[in-house]
Amino acid sequence: MYIIKVKGKAKIPDYIQIRDENFVLVAYFRADRPMKNIEKFGLEGKETELQTLIDGLPFGKLQKLEL
């Protein structure tokens, strides 16, 4: 899976996109709010690691999600 942080503008907040190996969008959520249904993507129990990764992500750079 891949992750990208999208910069919001004006009143639109920053968002996170998680995409599968075919780059199909599987999750889209605000960067400042925890992701819901995290177990659906096999990331349960890794919420702290995911939040740390999100905080350090540069905007607009697609990265492989390895937790």
C-alpha atoms as a PDB file:
ATOM      1  CA  MET A   1       0.000   0.000   0.000  1.00  0.00           C
ATOM      2  CA  TYR A   2       1.023   3.610  -0.529  1.00  0.00           C
ATOM      3  CA  ILE A   3       0.362   6.808   1.410  1.00  0.00           C
ATOM      4  CA  ILE A   4       0.332  10.468   0.354  1.00  0.00           C
ATOM      5  CA  LYS A   5      -0.367  13.652   2.305  1.00  0.00           C
ATOM      6  CA  VAL A   6      -2.375  16.285   0.419  1.00  0.00           C
ATOM      7  CA  LYS A   7      -2.078  19.946   1.461  1.00  0.00           C
ATOM      8  CA  GLY A   8      -5.372  21.704   2.057  1.00  0.00           C
ATOM      9  CA  LYS A   9      -6.016  25.305   1.042  1.00  0.00           C
ATOM     10  CA  ALA A  10      -7.784  28.058   2.969  1.00  0.00           C
ATOM     11  CA  LYS A  11     -10.554  26.361   4.988  1.00  0.00           C
ATOM     12  CA  ILE A  12      -9.947  22.906   3.493  1.00  0.00           C
ATOM     13  CA  PRO A  13      -7.847  20.751   5.874  1.00  0.00           C
ATOM     14  CA  ASP A  14      -4.907  18.514   4.995  1.00  0.00           C
ATOM     15  CA  TYR A  15      -5.896  14.994   3.925  1.00  0.00           C
ATOM     16  CA  ILE A  16      -4.269  11.579   3.775  1.00  0.00           C
ATOM     17  CA  GLN A  17      -4.805   9.124   0.933  1.00  0.00           C
ATOM     18  CA  ILE A  18      -3.997   5.438   1.226  1.00  0.00           C
ATOM     19  CA  ARG A  19      -3.795   3.560  -2.066  1.00  0.00           C
ATOM     20  CA  ASP A  20      -3.351  -0.127  -2.856  1.00  0.00           C
ATOM     21  CA  GLU A  21      -0.634  -1.689  -5.040  1.00  0.00           C
ATOM     22  CA  ASN A  22      -2.600  -0.671  -8.167  1.00  0.00           C
ATOM     23  CA  PHE A  23      -2.836   2.930  -6.851  1.00  0.00           C
ATOM     24  CA  VAL A  24      -6.590   2.597  -6.318  1.00  0.00           C
ATOM     25  CA  LEU A  25      -7.809   4.854  -3.511  1.00  0.00           C
ATOM     26  CA  VAL A  26      -8.783   2.715  -0.508  1.00  0.00           C
ATOM     27  CA  ALA A  27      -8.885   5.338   2.276  1.00  0.00           C
ATOM     28  CA  TYR A  28      -9.193   9.126   2.419  1.00  0.00           C
ATOM     29  CA  PHE A  29      -9.261  10.960   5.748  1.00  0.00           C
ATOM     30  CA  ARG A  30      -8.262  14.179   7.464  1.00  0.00           C
ATOM     31  CA  ALA A  31      -4.666  14.264   8.680  1.00  0.00           C
ATOM     32  CA  ASP A  32      -5.694  15.695  12.053  1.00  0.00           C
ATOM     33  CA  ARG A  33      -8.316  13.010  12.806  1.00  0.00           C
ATOM     34  CA  PRO A  34      -7.758   9.328  13.421  1.00  0.00           C
ATOM     35  CA  MET A  35      -8.628   6.948  10.634  1.00  0.00           C
ATOM     36  CA  LYS A  36     -11.838   4.957  11.111  1.00  0.00           C
ATOM     37  CA  ASN A  37     -12.117   1.274  10.192  1.00  0.00           C
ATOM     38  CA  ILE A  38      -8.339   0.884  10.341  1.00  0.00           C
ATOM     39  CA  GLU A  39      -8.706  -2.885  10.820  1.00  0.00           C
ATOM     40  CA  LYS A  40     -10.163  -3.102   7.307  1.00  0.00           C
ATOM     41  CA  PHE A  41      -6.678  -2.386   5.933  1.00  0.00           C
ATOM     42  CA  GLY A  42      -4.705  -4.637   8.286  1.00  0.00           C
ATOM     43  CA  LEU A  43      -3.381  -1.705  10.329  1.00  0.00           C
ATOM     44  CA  GLU A  44      -5.073  -2.413  13.662  1.00  0.00           C
ATOM     45  CA  GLY A  45      -2.772  -1.886  16.611  1.00  0.00           C
ATOM     46  CA  LYS A  46      -0.539   0.430  14.582  1.00  0.00           C
ATOM     47  CA  GLU A  47      -2.443   3.680  15.161  1.00  0.00           C
ATOM     48  CA  THR A  48       0.456   5.372  16.990  1.00  0.00           C
ATOM     49  CA  GLU A  49       2.974   4.381  14.309  1.00  0.00           C
ATOM     50  CA  LEU A  50       0.605   5.556  11.573  1.00  0.00           C
ATOM     51  CA  GLN A  51       0.050   8.935  13.275  1.00  0.00           C
ATOM     52  CA  THR A  52       3.818   9.408  13.699  1.00  0.00           C
ATOM     53  CA  LEU A  53       4.307   8.590  10.009  1.00  0.00           C
ATOM     54  CA  ILE A  54       1.543  11.022   8.981  1.00  0.00           C
ATOM     55  CA  ASP A  55       3.056  13.828  11.089  1.00  0.00           C
ATOM     56  CA  GLY A  56       6.425  13.384   9.355  1.00  0.00           C
ATOM     57  CA  LEU A  57       5.154  12.959   5.790  1.00  0.00           C
ATOM     58  CA  PRO A  58       6.052  15.665   3.283  1.00  0.00           C
ATOM     59  CA  PHE A  59       3.136  17.031   1.273  1.00  0.00           C
ATOM     60  CA  GLY A  60       2.567  15.595  -2.202  1.00  0.00           C
ATOM     61  CA  LYS A  61       5.143  12.804  -2.031  1.00  0.00           C
ATOM     62  CA  LEU A  62       3.830   9.272  -2.579  1.00  0.00           C
ATOM     63  CA  GLN A  63       5.525   6.784  -0.249  1.00  0.00           C
ATOM     64  CA  LYS A  64       5.276   3.051   0.266  1.00  0.00           C
ATOM     65  CA  LEU A  65       3.392   2.332   3.486  1.00  0.00           C
ATOM     66  CA  GLU A  66       5.551   0.002   5.554  1.00  0.00           C
ATOM     67  CA  LEU A  67       4.485  -0.392   9.178  1.00  0.00           C
END
